Amino acid sequence: QVQLVESGGGLVQVGGSLRLSCAASGTVSRSVMAWFRQAPGKEREFVVAIRRIGGNVYYSEDMQNRFSISRDNAKNTVFLQMNRLKSEDSAVYYCAAGTEISPDPRTWEYWGKGTLVTVSS
């Protein structure tokens, strides 16, 4: 069983930055971790994924220029650095773990409970 705990969300002004963290515990055997987000009334949206071994990164095209993912395998933690935030980035951000890269949230095996990001103008 894998447990994922997100942190780092909060209120930030337009143009600001936030760094989210996702700490994994339990049997960390999943090779891929990712960030998704879900705004009120919208479907869960793929943001970015990273392979645990090798560090290959896969971005949603819309996020590539402002968001970056990194990992610390020793601490079983993945980070999402978000810069130049826009009001439309407001959402609950979820961490996910799995074995395959996919923008479809149904294919991911484990999920955290999410952390809320609110971008105010």
Protein backbone atom coordinates (compact mmCIF):
# COMPACT_ATOMS: atom_id res chain seq x y z
CA GLN A 1 0.00 0.00 0.00
CA VAL A 2 1.23 3.47 -0.88
CA GLN A 3 0.24 6.61 0.96
CA LEU A 4 0.68 10.00 -0.64
CA VAL A 5 0.49 13.24 1.29
CA GLU A 6 0.52 16.59 -0.45
CA SER A 7 1.50 19.87 1.15
CA GLY A 8 2.41 23.41 0.22
CA GLY A 9 -0.89 24.71 -1.10
CA GLY A 10 -2.30 28.04 -0.07
CA LEU A 11 -3.32 31.48 -1.19
CA VAL A 12 -1.05 33.33 -3.59
CA GLN A 13 -1.44 36.40 -5.77
CA VAL A 14 -1.45 36.33 -9.54
CA GLY A 15 2.13 36.19 -10.76
CA GLY A 16 3.38 34.54 -7.61
CA SER A 17 4.93 31.13 -7.02
CA LEU A 18 4.25 28.07 -4.92
CA ARG A 19 6.08 24.84 -4.34
CA LEU A 20 4.02 21.76 -3.64
CA SER A 21 5.40 18.60 -2.07
CA CYS A 22 4.17 15.02 -2.21
CA ALA A 23 5.60 12.62 0.34
CA ALA A 24 5.15 8.92 -0.40
CA SER A 25 5.23 6.22 2.26
CA GLY A 26 4.44 2.55 2.42
CA THR A 27 5.55 0.21 -0.35
CA VAL A 28 7.01 2.69 -2.78
CA SER A 29 7.38 0.46 -5.78
CA ARG A 30 5.52 2.52 -8.31
CA SER A 31 7.78 3.81 -11.03
CA VAL A 32 5.94 6.98 -11.94
CA MET A 33 4.57 9.87 -9.93
CA ALA A 34 2.47 12.71 -11.20
CA TRP A 35 0.56 15.83 -10.38
CA PHE A 36 -3.02 16.41 -11.42
CA ARG A 37 -5.35 19.24 -10.58
CA GLN A 38 -9.07 19.71 -10.37
CA ALA A 39 -10.90 23.00 -10.37
CA PRO A 40 -14.50 23.27 -9.14
CA GLY A 41 -16.92 21.86 -11.70
CA LYS A 42 -14.14 20.56 -13.93
CA GLU A 43 -12.57 17.19 -14.59
CA ARG A 44 -9.30 16.18 -13.04
CA GLU A 45 -6.51 17.43 -15.30
CA PHE A 46 -3.03 16.02 -15.88
CA VAL A 47 -0.22 18.45 -15.07
CA VAL A 48 3.09 16.59 -15.15
CA ALA A 49 4.66 13.20 -14.42
CA ILE A 50 8.14 11.99 -13.59
CA ARG A 51 9.74 8.58 -13.68
CA ARG A 52 11.30 7.48 -10.41
CA ILE A 53 14.28 5.93 -12.21
CA GLY A 54 15.90 8.11 -14.82
CA GLY A 55 13.87 11.19 -14.03
CA ASN A 56 12.18 11.48 -17.42
CA VAL A 57 9.52 14.18 -17.24
CA TYR A 58 6.27 14.48 -19.18
CA TYR A 59 4.35 17.74 -19.11
CA SER A 60 0.91 18.73 -20.13
CA GLU A 61 1.54 21.11 -23.00
CA ASP A 62 -0.23 23.95 -21.23
CA MET A 63 1.89 23.70 -18.08
CA GLN A 64 5.36 23.27 -19.49
CA ASN A 65 6.50 26.86 -19.41
CA ARG A 66 5.50 27.70 -15.87
CA PHE A 67 5.53 24.45 -13.90
CA SER A 68 8.40 22.11 -13.15
CA ILE A 69 8.58 18.78 -11.35
CA SER A 70 11.47 17.34 -9.41
CA ARG A 71 12.02 14.43 -7.07
CA ASP A 72 14.09 13.35 -4.12
CA ASN A 73 14.13 9.56 -4.22
CA ALA A 74 15.97 9.31 -0.91
CA LYS A 75 13.05 11.08 0.76
CA ASN A 76 10.39 9.57 -1.49
CA THR A 77 9.18 13.05 -2.24
CA VAL A 78 8.11 14.77 -5.44
CA PHE A 79 7.87 18.52 -5.83
CA LEU A 80 5.88 20.77 -8.13
CA GLN A 81 7.27 24.26 -8.60
CA MET A 82 4.65 26.61 -9.98
CA ASN A 83 5.66 30.04 -11.24
CA ARG A 84 3.82 33.02 -12.73
CA LEU A 85 0.58 31.68 -11.37
CA LYS A 86 -2.70 32.68 -12.95
CA SER A 87 -6.19 32.75 -11.49
CA GLU A 88 -7.08 29.78 -13.67
CA ASP A 89 -4.44 27.72 -11.87
CA SER A 90 -6.67 27.73 -8.79
CA ALA A 91 -7.54 24.12 -8.06
CA VAL A 92 -6.98 21.20 -5.75
CA TYR A 93 -3.66 19.67 -6.71
CA TYR A 94 -3.34 15.92 -6.34
CA CYS A 95 -0.33 13.67 -6.28
CA ALA A 96 -0.63 10.27 -7.96
CA ALA A 97 1.54 7.17 -8.22
CA GLY A 98 1.42 4.41 -10.80
CA THR A 99 3.33 2.35 -13.30
CA GLU A 100 2.35 3.98 -16.57
CA ILE A 101 2.44 7.53 -17.82
CA SER A 102 -1.01 8.66 -18.86
CA PRO A 103 -3.07 11.85 -18.77
CA ASP A 104 -6.09 9.72 -17.87
CA PRO A 105 -6.55 9.84 -14.10
CA ARG A 106 -8.34 6.48 -14.16
CA THR A 107 -5.07 4.72 -14.95
CA TRP A 108 -3.27 5.90 -11.82
CA GLU A 109 -3.26 3.55 -8.84
CA TYR A 110 -2.72 5.72 -5.79
CA TRP A 111 -3.83 9.23 -4.92
CA GLY A 112 -3.25 11.73 -2.19
CA LYS A 113 -6.08 13.77 -0.71
CA GLY A 114 -4.96 16.94 -2.44
CA THR A 115 -3.83 20.40 -1.48
CA LEU A 116 -5.75 23.54 -2.36
CA VAL A 117 -4.13 26.28 -4.39
CA THR A 118 -5.97 29.58 -4.67
CA VAL A 119 -4.61 32.29 -6.92
CA SER A 120 -6.15 35.68 -6.29
CA SER A 121 -6.02 38.78 -8.44
